[in-house]
Amino acid sequence: MRKVQAYADQDLLDLERGDWFVHSVFKHTFNLTDRQHNPLILVAWDQSKLFPGGVYIPKAEFYELLAQINDAQSIRFADQLIEITTATETWQIELSKTYDVSLKATKIDGTRAQYLLGAAQQLNKMTGLNQPFQALLSKAASPFQAELTWLTEAANVQRGLISSLAAAGG
């Protein structure tokens, strides 16, 4: 039995006991899920980007487990422990250290907002809309201008109709 210490999203500590399954496997990560496919647990080694639902194990152990994960025979979650039995061996991944990815509501002061807007206006990369990112910040150049105008006009027409009906007693 292989025992591995993991760094995990603290919300995973509250998961119900039960059976889990391999959802998807990629080159540097894999995902686990329960019968309801909610939530999705990301298993990886690279802690430079901490994701919600993440479980991070040391690199060497991760790649050994990744090589075996398609042959998983059972995956159980209980008491801060994920137990994965593959055709080769059983792994116990203990969620020993945790991190918090909750968003904390804070105010953005004017200086920071200006800095963010200034940086965004310098981005010339193309978006999936075939527009440079900075063009999305300009009302005149926004590809959504026609849609915004249509929605605004449609809302004004609806308000006018409702006002007319109310005035007519309808």
N, C-alpha and C. Protein backbone atom coordinates (compact mmCIF):
# COMPACT_ATOMS: atom_id res chain seq x y z
N MET A 1 0.85 -1.17 0.00
CA MET A 1 0.00 0.00 0.00
C MET A 1 0.89 1.23 0.00
N ARG A 2 0.59 2.16 -0.93
CA ARG A 2 1.35 3.41 -1.02
C ARG A 2 0.59 4.49 -0.28
N LYS A 3 1.25 5.16 0.63
CA LYS A 3 0.65 6.28 1.36
C LYS A 3 1.29 7.56 0.89
N VAL A 4 0.44 8.53 0.54
CA VAL A 4 0.92 9.80 0.00
C VAL A 4 0.20 10.93 0.72
N GLN A 5 0.95 11.96 1.09
CA GLN A 5 0.38 13.16 1.69
C GLN A 5 -0.02 14.11 0.56
N ALA A 6 -1.19 14.73 0.69
CA ALA A 6 -1.68 15.62 -0.36
C ALA A 6 -1.98 17.01 0.21
N TYR A 7 -1.87 17.99 -0.65
CA TYR A 7 -2.26 19.36 -0.37
C TYR A 7 -3.59 19.54 -1.11
N ALA A 8 -4.67 19.88 -0.40
CA ALA A 8 -5.99 19.84 -1.02
C ALA A 8 -6.85 21.04 -0.65
N ASP A 9 -7.82 21.30 -1.50
CA ASP A 9 -8.83 22.31 -1.25
C ASP A 9 -9.57 21.93 0.03
N GLN A 10 -9.69 22.86 0.97
CA GLN A 10 -10.30 22.54 2.26
C GLN A 10 -11.76 22.11 2.13
N ASP A 11 -12.44 22.52 1.07
CA ASP A 11 -13.83 22.11 0.88
C ASP A 11 -13.96 20.60 0.67
N LEU A 12 -12.89 19.95 0.24
CA LEU A 12 -12.95 18.50 0.03
C LEU A 12 -13.05 17.74 1.36
N LEU A 13 -12.69 18.38 2.45
CA LEU A 13 -12.76 17.72 3.75
C LEU A 13 -14.20 17.42 4.15
N ASP A 14 -15.14 18.14 3.55
CA ASP A 14 -16.56 17.97 3.89
C ASP A 14 -17.29 17.00 2.97
N LEU A 15 -16.58 16.38 2.05
CA LEU A 15 -17.25 15.45 1.13
C LEU A 15 -17.78 14.23 1.86
N GLU A 16 -18.89 13.71 1.35
CA GLU A 16 -19.47 12.50 1.93
C GLU A 16 -18.63 11.29 1.56
N ARG A 17 -18.66 10.31 2.44
CA ARG A 17 -17.99 9.04 2.14
C ARG A 17 -18.66 8.42 0.93
N GLY A 18 -17.89 7.66 0.17
CA GLY A 18 -18.52 6.97 -0.95
C GLY A 18 -17.56 6.55 -2.02
N ASP A 19 -18.16 5.98 -3.06
CA ASP A 19 -17.39 5.51 -4.22
C ASP A 19 -17.21 6.63 -5.22
N TRP A 20 -16.03 6.66 -5.80
CA TRP A 20 -15.69 7.65 -6.80
C TRP A 20 -15.23 6.94 -8.06
N PHE A 21 -15.12 7.69 -9.15
CA PHE A 21 -14.77 7.13 -10.44
C PHE A 21 -13.80 8.05 -11.15
N VAL A 22 -13.04 7.49 -12.08
CA VAL A 22 -12.18 8.31 -12.93
C VAL A 22 -13.10 8.99 -13.94
N HIS A 23 -13.06 10.30 -13.98
CA HIS A 23 -13.88 11.07 -14.91
C HIS A 23 -13.14 11.30 -16.22
N SER A 24 -11.89 11.76 -16.12
CA SER A 24 -11.10 12.07 -17.30
C SER A 24 -9.62 12.05 -16.94
N VAL A 25 -8.81 11.73 -17.94
CA VAL A 25 -7.36 11.63 -17.74
C VAL A 25 -6.68 12.48 -18.81
N PHE A 26 -5.72 13.29 -18.37
CA PHE A 26 -4.97 14.15 -19.27
C PHE A 26 -3.47 13.89 -19.07
N LYS A 27 -2.66 14.65 -19.77
CA LYS A 27 -1.21 14.45 -19.73
C LYS A 27 -0.61 14.76 -18.36
N HIS A 28 -1.14 15.80 -17.67
CA HIS A 28 -0.55 16.22 -16.41
C HIS A 28 -1.57 16.29 -15.26
N THR A 29 -2.78 15.82 -15.47
CA THR A 29 -3.81 15.80 -14.43
C THR A 29 -4.78 14.67 -14.71
N PHE A 30 -5.59 14.37 -13.71
CA PHE A 30 -6.77 13.55 -13.96
C PHE A 30 -7.86 14.00 -13.00
N ASN A 31 -9.11 13.67 -13.33
CA ASN A 31 -10.24 14.11 -12.55
C ASN A 31 -11.02 12.91 -12.02
N LEU A 32 -11.51 13.06 -10.80
CA LEU A 32 -12.35 12.05 -10.17
C LEU A 32 -13.73 12.67 -9.93
N THR A 33 -14.76 11.84 -9.92
CA THR A 33 -16.10 12.32 -9.63
C THR A 33 -16.89 11.23 -8.93
N ASP A 34 -18.02 11.62 -8.34
CA ASP A 34 -18.89 10.64 -7.70
C ASP A 34 -20.01 10.24 -8.66
N ARG A 35 -20.97 9.47 -8.19
CA ARG A 35 -22.05 8.97 -9.07
C ARG A 35 -22.87 10.11 -9.68
N GLN A 36 -23.03 11.19 -8.95
CA GLN A 36 -23.82 12.32 -9.45
C GLN A 36 -22.99 13.27 -10.32
N HIS A 37 -21.71 12.96 -10.49
CA HIS A 37 -20.78 13.81 -11.25
C HIS A 37 -20.67 15.20 -10.66
N ASN A 38 -20.78 15.27 -9.33
CA ASN A 38 -20.66 16.53 -8.66
C ASN A 38 -20.14 16.26 -7.26
N PRO A 39 -19.04 16.75 -6.86
CA PRO A 39 -18.13 17.65 -7.58
C PRO A 39 -17.11 16.88 -8.41
N LEU A 40 -16.28 17.65 -9.05
CA LEU A 40 -15.16 17.11 -9.82
C LEU A 40 -13.88 17.40 -9.02
N ILE A 41 -13.09 16.38 -8.78
CA ILE A 41 -11.83 16.56 -8.06
C ILE A 41 -10.69 16.48 -9.07
N LEU A 42 -9.86 17.50 -9.07
CA LEU A 42 -8.68 17.54 -9.92
C LEU A 42 -7.50 16.97 -9.14
N VAL A 43 -6.79 16.01 -9.70
CA VAL A 43 -5.59 15.47 -9.07
C VAL A 43 -4.41 15.85 -9.95
N ALA A 44 -3.40 16.48 -9.35
CA ALA A 44 -2.25 16.97 -10.11
C ALA A 44 -1.05 17.06 -9.16
N TRP A 45 0.07 17.52 -9.68
CA TRP A 45 1.25 17.72 -8.84
C TRP A 45 1.67 19.18 -8.77
N ASP A 46 1.39 19.97 -9.82
CA ASP A 46 1.87 21.34 -9.93
C ASP A 46 1.04 22.28 -9.05
N GLN A 47 1.62 22.76 -7.96
CA GLN A 47 0.91 23.61 -7.02
C GLN A 47 1.00 25.10 -7.38
N SER A 48 1.54 25.44 -8.54
CA SER A 48 1.66 26.85 -8.88
C SER A 48 0.30 27.46 -9.20
N LYS A 49 -0.68 26.63 -9.53
CA LYS A 49 -2.05 27.10 -9.79
C LYS A 49 -2.98 26.24 -8.95
N LEU A 50 -3.50 26.80 -7.89
CA LEU A 50 -4.39 26.05 -7.01
C LEU A 50 -5.83 26.23 -7.46
N PHE A 51 -6.48 25.14 -7.80
CA PHE A 51 -7.84 25.17 -8.32
C PHE A 51 -8.84 24.69 -7.27
N PRO A 52 -10.08 25.16 -7.35
CA PRO A 52 -11.12 24.61 -6.49
C PRO A 52 -11.23 23.10 -6.75
N GLY A 53 -11.36 22.34 -5.69
CA GLY A 53 -11.47 20.89 -5.84
C GLY A 53 -10.16 20.21 -6.17
N GLY A 54 -9.05 20.87 -5.92
CA GLY A 54 -7.74 20.31 -6.27
C GLY A 54 -7.14 19.45 -5.17
N VAL A 55 -6.46 18.39 -5.60
CA VAL A 55 -5.67 17.53 -4.72
C VAL A 55 -4.30 17.44 -5.37
N TYR A 56 -3.27 17.89 -4.66
CA TYR A 56 -1.92 17.95 -5.21
C TYR A 56 -1.02 16.99 -4.45
N ILE A 57 -0.39 16.08 -5.20
CA ILE A 57 0.52 15.11 -4.59
C ILE A 57 1.91 15.31 -5.20
N PRO A 58 2.95 14.82 -4.54
CA PRO A 58 4.30 15.00 -5.08
C PRO A 58 4.43 14.48 -6.51
N LYS A 59 5.28 15.14 -7.28
CA LYS A 59 5.42 14.88 -8.71
C LYS A 59 5.72 13.41 -9.03
N ALA A 60 6.70 12.82 -8.38
CA ALA A 60 7.09 11.44 -8.70
C ALA A 60 5.92 10.49 -8.47
N GLU A 61 5.25 10.62 -7.33
CA GLU A 61 4.11 9.76 -7.02
C GLU A 61 2.95 10.02 -7.97
N PHE A 62 2.75 11.30 -8.32
CA PHE A 62 1.66 11.63 -9.23
C PHE A 62 1.81 10.88 -10.55
N TYR A 63 3.00 10.95 -11.16
CA TYR A 63 3.17 10.30 -12.47
C TYR A 63 3.11 8.78 -12.38
N GLU A 64 3.50 8.21 -11.24
CA GLU A 64 3.32 6.76 -11.06
C GLU A 64 1.84 6.42 -11.00
N LEU A 65 1.07 7.21 -10.24
CA LEU A 65 -0.36 6.98 -10.15
C LEU A 65 -1.05 7.25 -11.48
N LEU A 66 -0.65 8.30 -12.17
CA LEU A 66 -1.23 8.62 -13.47
C LEU A 66 -1.07 7.45 -14.44
N ALA A 67 0.07 6.77 -14.39
CA ALA A 67 0.32 5.63 -15.28
C ALA A 67 -0.61 4.46 -14.95
N GLN A 68 -1.14 4.43 -13.74
CA GLN A 68 -2.00 3.33 -13.32
C GLN A 68 -3.49 3.68 -13.30
N ILE A 69 -3.83 4.96 -13.37
CA ILE A 69 -5.20 5.40 -13.08
C ILE A 69 -6.24 4.83 -14.04
N ASN A 70 -5.88 4.57 -15.28
CA ASN A 70 -6.85 3.98 -16.21
C ASN A 70 -7.24 2.56 -15.83
N ASP A 71 -6.44 1.93 -14.96
CA ASP A 71 -6.73 0.58 -14.48
C ASP A 71 -7.32 0.60 -13.08
N ALA A 72 -7.93 1.72 -12.68
CA ALA A 72 -8.50 1.82 -11.33
C ALA A 72 -9.64 0.83 -11.18
N GLN A 73 -9.58 0.04 -10.12
CA GLN A 73 -10.62 -0.94 -9.84
C GLN A 73 -11.64 -0.39 -8.85
N SER A 74 -11.16 0.44 -7.92
CA SER A 74 -12.09 1.10 -7.00
C SER A 74 -11.44 2.38 -6.48
N ILE A 75 -12.30 3.34 -6.18
CA ILE A 75 -11.87 4.61 -5.60
C ILE A 75 -12.87 4.93 -4.50
N ARG A 76 -12.37 5.06 -3.28
CA ARG A 76 -13.24 5.34 -2.13
C ARG A 76 -12.75 6.60 -1.43
N PHE A 77 -13.70 7.40 -0.99
CA PHE A 77 -13.38 8.59 -0.21
C PHE A 77 -13.96 8.42 1.17
N ALA A 78 -13.14 8.57 2.21
CA ALA A 78 -13.61 8.48 3.58
C ALA A 78 -12.60 9.12 4.52
N ASP A 79 -13.11 9.92 5.44
CA ASP A 79 -12.27 10.49 6.50
C ASP A 79 -10.98 11.14 6.00
N GLN A 80 -11.12 12.08 5.09
CA GLN A 80 -9.98 12.84 4.56
C GLN A 80 -8.95 11.95 3.88
N LEU A 81 -9.42 10.87 3.30
CA LEU A 81 -8.54 9.91 2.65
C LEU A 81 -9.19 9.45 1.35
N ILE A 82 -8.43 9.48 0.27
CA ILE A 82 -8.88 8.92 -1.00
C ILE A 82 -8.09 7.64 -1.20
N GLU A 83 -8.79 6.53 -1.29
CA GLU A 83 -8.12 5.25 -1.50
C GLU A 83 -8.40 4.77 -2.92
N ILE A 84 -7.33 4.62 -3.69
CA ILE A 84 -7.45 4.21 -5.09
C ILE A 84 -6.78 2.85 -5.24
N THR A 85 -7.55 1.86 -5.66
CA THR A 85 -7.00 0.54 -5.91
C THR A 85 -6.93 0.35 -7.42
N THR A 86 -5.72 0.13 -7.91
CA THR A 86 -5.52 -0.12 -9.34
C THR A 86 -5.16 -1.59 -9.51
N ALA A 87 -4.93 -2.01 -10.73
CA ALA A 87 -4.54 -3.39 -10.99
C ALA A 87 -3.17 -3.70 -10.37
N THR A 88 -2.37 -2.67 -10.13
CA THR A 88 -1.01 -2.84 -9.63
C THR A 88 -0.88 -2.71 -8.12
N GLU A 89 -1.54 -1.70 -7.53
CA GLU A 89 -1.39 -1.45 -6.11
C GLU A 89 -2.51 -0.59 -5.57
N THR A 90 -2.52 -0.41 -4.25
CA THR A 90 -3.50 0.46 -3.60
C THR A 90 -2.78 1.70 -3.10
N TRP A 91 -3.39 2.84 -3.38
CA TRP A 91 -2.86 4.14 -2.98
C TRP A 91 -3.76 4.73 -1.92
N GLN A 92 -3.19 5.29 -0.88
CA GLN A 92 -3.93 6.06 0.10
C GLN A 92 -3.42 7.49 0.05
N ILE A 93 -4.30 8.38 -0.39
CA ILE A 93 -3.95 9.80 -0.50
C ILE A 93 -4.61 10.52 0.66
N GLU A 94 -3.79 10.97 1.60
CA GLU A 94 -4.30 11.66 2.78
C GLU A 94 -4.33 13.16 2.53
N LEU A 95 -5.50 13.76 2.72
CA LEU A 95 -5.64 15.20 2.55
C LEU A 95 -5.14 15.86 3.84
N SER A 96 -3.82 15.97 3.96
CA SER A 96 -3.20 16.39 5.21
C SER A 96 -3.06 17.90 5.37
N LYS A 97 -2.79 18.60 4.30
CA LYS A 97 -2.68 20.07 4.34
C LYS A 97 -3.74 20.63 3.41
N THR A 98 -4.30 21.77 3.78
CA THR A 98 -5.36 22.34 2.95
C THR A 98 -5.09 23.79 2.59
N TYR A 99 -5.81 24.24 1.57
CA TYR A 99 -5.78 25.65 1.16
C TYR A 99 -7.22 26.08 0.94
N ASP A 100 -7.44 27.38 0.91
CA ASP A 100 -8.78 27.96 0.76
C ASP A 100 -8.83 28.77 -0.53
N VAL A 101 -9.77 28.43 -1.41
CA VAL A 101 -9.91 29.18 -2.67
C VAL A 101 -11.17 30.04 -2.68
N SER A 102 -11.77 30.25 -1.51
CA SER A 102 -12.97 31.08 -1.44
C SER A 102 -12.64 32.50 -1.87
N LEU A 103 -13.56 33.10 -2.60
CA LEU A 103 -13.37 34.49 -2.99
C LEU A 103 -13.74 35.39 -1.83
N LYS A 104 -12.87 36.29 -1.52
CA LYS A 104 -13.12 37.24 -0.45
C LYS A 104 -13.53 38.57 -1.09
N ALA A 105 -14.69 39.06 -0.71
CA ALA A 105 -15.18 40.31 -1.27
C ALA A 105 -14.40 41.47 -0.67
N THR A 106 -13.75 42.23 -1.53
CA THR A 106 -13.04 43.42 -1.09
C THR A 106 -13.32 44.53 -2.09
N LYS A 107 -13.14 45.73 -1.64
CA LYS A 107 -13.35 46.87 -2.53
C LYS A 107 -12.12 47.06 -3.42
N ILE A 108 -12.36 47.50 -4.63
CA ILE A 108 -11.26 47.85 -5.53
C ILE A 108 -11.17 49.37 -5.52
N ASP A 109 -10.03 49.89 -5.10
CA ASP A 109 -9.90 51.34 -5.07
C ASP A 109 -9.64 51.86 -6.49
N GLY A 110 -9.82 53.15 -6.65
CA GLY A 110 -9.71 53.77 -7.96
C GLY A 110 -8.35 53.57 -8.62
N THR A 111 -7.29 53.59 -7.82
CA THR A 111 -5.94 53.43 -8.36
C THR A 111 -5.77 52.04 -8.97
N ARG A 112 -6.22 51.04 -8.25
CA ARG A 112 -6.10 49.67 -8.76
C ARG A 112 -6.97 49.46 -10.00
N ALA A 113 -8.17 50.03 -9.99
CA ALA A 113 -9.06 49.91 -11.15
C ALA A 113 -8.42 50.56 -12.37
N GLN A 114 -7.84 51.74 -12.19
CA GLN A 114 -7.17 52.43 -13.30
C GLN A 114 -5.99 51.62 -13.82
N TYR A 115 -5.23 51.02 -12.90
CA TYR A 115 -4.11 50.18 -13.30
C TYR A 115 -4.58 49.00 -14.13
N LEU A 116 -5.64 48.33 -13.67
CA LEU A 116 -6.19 47.19 -14.39
C LEU A 116 -6.71 47.61 -15.77
N LEU A 117 -7.45 48.69 -15.83
CA LEU A 117 -7.97 49.17 -17.11
C LEU A 117 -6.83 49.55 -18.05
N GLY A 118 -5.82 50.22 -17.54
CA GLY A 118 -4.67 50.60 -18.36
C GLY A 118 -3.95 49.39 -18.92
N ALA A 119 -3.76 48.38 -18.08
CA ALA A 119 -3.09 47.15 -18.53
C ALA A 119 -3.94 46.44 -19.58
N ALA A 120 -5.25 46.39 -19.36
CA ALA A 120 -6.15 45.72 -20.32
C ALA A 120 -6.15 46.45 -21.66
N GLN A 121 -6.05 47.78 -21.64
CA GLN A 121 -6.06 48.54 -22.88
C GLN A 121 -4.78 48.34 -23.69
N GLN A 122 -3.75 47.80 -23.07
CA GLN A 122 -2.49 47.53 -23.77
C GLN A 122 -2.48 46.16 -24.44
N LEU A 123 -3.46 45.31 -24.14
CA LEU A 123 -3.47 43.96 -24.69
C LEU A 123 -3.92 43.97 -26.15
N ASN A 124 -3.06 43.49 -27.01
CA ASN A 124 -3.38 43.44 -28.43
C ASN A 124 -3.73 42.03 -28.90
N LYS A 125 -3.76 41.07 -27.99
CA LYS A 125 -4.03 39.68 -28.38
C LYS A 125 -5.45 39.57 -28.91
N MET A 126 -5.60 38.70 -29.88
CA MET A 126 -6.90 38.46 -30.48
C MET A 126 -7.74 37.58 -29.56
N THR A 127 -9.02 37.87 -29.50
CA THR A 127 -9.95 37.06 -28.72
C THR A 127 -10.60 36.03 -29.64
N GLY A 128 -11.43 35.19 -29.10
CA GLY A 128 -12.18 34.23 -29.90
C GLY A 128 -13.21 34.91 -30.78
N LEU A 129 -13.41 36.20 -30.61
CA LEU A 129 -14.35 36.95 -31.44
C LEU A 129 -13.66 37.63 -32.61
N ASN A 130 -12.40 37.27 -32.84
CA ASN A 130 -11.57 37.88 -33.89
C ASN A 130 -11.46 39.39 -33.72
N GLN A 131 -11.39 39.81 -32.48
CA GLN A 131 -11.21 41.22 -32.14
C GLN A 131 -10.05 41.29 -31.15
N PRO A 132 -9.22 42.33 -31.24
CA PRO A 132 -8.21 42.49 -30.19
C PRO A 132 -8.91 42.72 -28.86
N PHE A 133 -8.32 42.23 -27.78
CA PHE A 133 -8.94 42.35 -26.47
C PHE A 133 -9.28 43.80 -26.15
N GLN A 134 -8.37 44.71 -26.46
CA GLN A 134 -8.60 46.11 -26.11
C GLN A 134 -9.84 46.68 -26.80
N ALA A 135 -10.23 46.12 -27.97
CA ALA A 135 -11.42 46.61 -28.67
C ALA A 135 -12.69 46.30 -27.88
N LEU A 136 -12.66 45.25 -27.07
CA LEU A 136 -13.84 44.90 -26.28
C LEU A 136 -14.12 45.94 -25.20
N LEU A 137 -13.10 46.76 -24.87
CA LEU A 137 -13.26 47.77 -23.84
C LEU A 137 -13.83 49.07 -24.39
N SER A 138 -13.93 49.19 -25.69
CA SER A 138 -14.43 50.40 -26.32
C SER A 138 -15.86 50.17 -26.79
N LYS A 139 -16.77 51.02 -26.35
CA LYS A 139 -18.16 50.86 -26.77
C LYS A 139 -18.31 50.96 -28.28
N ALA A 140 -17.57 51.86 -28.87
CA ALA A 140 -17.69 52.07 -30.32
C ALA A 140 -17.22 50.87 -31.10
N ALA A 141 -16.19 50.19 -30.62
CA ALA A 141 -15.61 49.07 -31.36
C ALA A 141 -16.11 47.71 -30.87
N SER A 142 -16.92 47.70 -29.84
CA SER A 142 -17.37 46.43 -29.27
C SER A 142 -18.20 45.65 -30.27
N PRO A 143 -17.94 44.35 -30.44
CA PRO A 143 -18.74 43.55 -31.35
C PRO A 143 -20.16 43.35 -30.82
N PHE A 144 -20.41 43.76 -29.59
CA PHE A 144 -21.73 43.59 -28.99
C PHE A 144 -22.57 44.86 -29.04
N GLN A 145 -22.08 45.89 -29.72
CA GLN A 145 -22.78 47.16 -29.73
C GLN A 145 -24.19 47.03 -30.32
N ALA A 146 -24.32 46.30 -31.41
CA ALA A 146 -25.63 46.14 -32.04
C ALA A 146 -26.57 45.40 -31.10
N GLU A 147 -26.06 44.37 -30.43
CA GLU A 147 -26.89 43.61 -29.51
C GLU A 147 -27.32 44.47 -28.32
N LEU A 148 -26.38 45.27 -27.81
CA LEU A 148 -26.71 46.14 -26.69
C LEU A 148 -27.76 47.17 -27.08
N THR A 149 -27.61 47.73 -28.27
CA THR A 149 -28.57 48.71 -28.76
C THR A 149 -29.94 48.06 -28.92
N TRP A 150 -29.97 46.86 -29.52
CA TRP A 150 -31.23 46.15 -29.73
C TRP A 150 -31.92 45.85 -28.39
N LEU A 151 -31.14 45.37 -27.43
CA LEU A 151 -31.71 45.05 -26.13
C LEU A 151 -32.25 46.30 -25.44
N THR A 152 -31.52 47.39 -25.53
CA THR A 152 -31.96 48.64 -24.92
C THR A 152 -33.23 49.14 -25.57
N GLU A 153 -33.27 49.10 -26.91
CA GLU A 153 -34.47 49.55 -27.62
C GLU A 153 -35.65 48.63 -27.32
N ALA A 154 -35.42 47.32 -27.29
CA ALA A 154 -36.50 46.38 -27.02
C ALA A 154 -37.05 46.61 -25.61
N ALA A 155 -36.16 46.87 -24.66
CA ALA A 155 -36.63 47.14 -23.29
C ALA A 155 -37.45 48.41 -23.23
N ASN A 156 -37.03 49.45 -23.99
CA ASN A 156 -37.77 50.71 -24.02
C ASN A 156 -39.14 50.50 -24.67
N VAL A 157 -39.22 49.71 -25.73
CA VAL A 157 -40.50 49.43 -26.39
C VAL A 157 -41.42 48.69 -25.42
N GLN A 158 -40.87 47.69 -24.71
CA GLN A 158 -41.69 46.94 -23.75
C GLN A 158 -42.19 47.85 -22.64
N ARG A 159 -41.34 48.74 -22.13
CA ARG A 159 -41.77 49.66 -21.08
C ARG A 159 -42.89 50.57 -21.60
N GLY A 160 -42.75 51.02 -22.85
CA GLY A 160 -43.78 51.88 -23.45
C GLY A 160 -45.10 51.14 -23.59
N LEU A 161 -45.07 49.88 -24.03
CA LEU A 161 -46.29 49.09 -24.18
C LEU A 161 -46.94 48.86 -22.84
N ILE A 162 -46.14 48.55 -21.83
CA ILE A 162 -46.70 48.31 -20.48
C ILE A 162 -47.33 49.58 -19.96
N SER A 163 -46.66 50.72 -20.16
CA SER A 163 -47.21 52.00 -19.71
C SER A 163 -48.54 52.30 -20.41
N SER A 164 -48.60 52.02 -21.73
CA SER A 164 -49.83 52.26 -22.49
C SER A 164 -50.96 51.38 -22.02
N LEU A 165 -50.65 50.10 -21.78
CA LEU A 165 -51.67 49.17 -21.29
C LEU A 165 -52.16 49.57 -19.92
N ALA A 166 -51.25 49.99 -19.06
CA ALA A 166 -51.64 50.41 -17.71
C ALA A 166 -52.51 51.64 -17.76
N ALA A 167 -52.18 52.58 -18.66
CA ALA A 167 -52.95 53.81 -18.77
C ALA A 167 -54.33 53.52 -19.34
N ALA A 168 -54.43 52.51 -20.21
CA ALA A 168 -55.71 52.16 -20.83
C ALA A 168 -56.55 51.27 -19.92
N GLY A 169 -55.98 50.87 -18.78
CA GLY A 169 -56.70 50.01 -17.85
C GLY A 169 -56.67 48.56 -18.24
N GLY A 170 -55.72 48.19 -19.14
CA GLY A 170 -55.64 46.80 -19.63
C GLY A 170 -54.79 45.99 -18.77
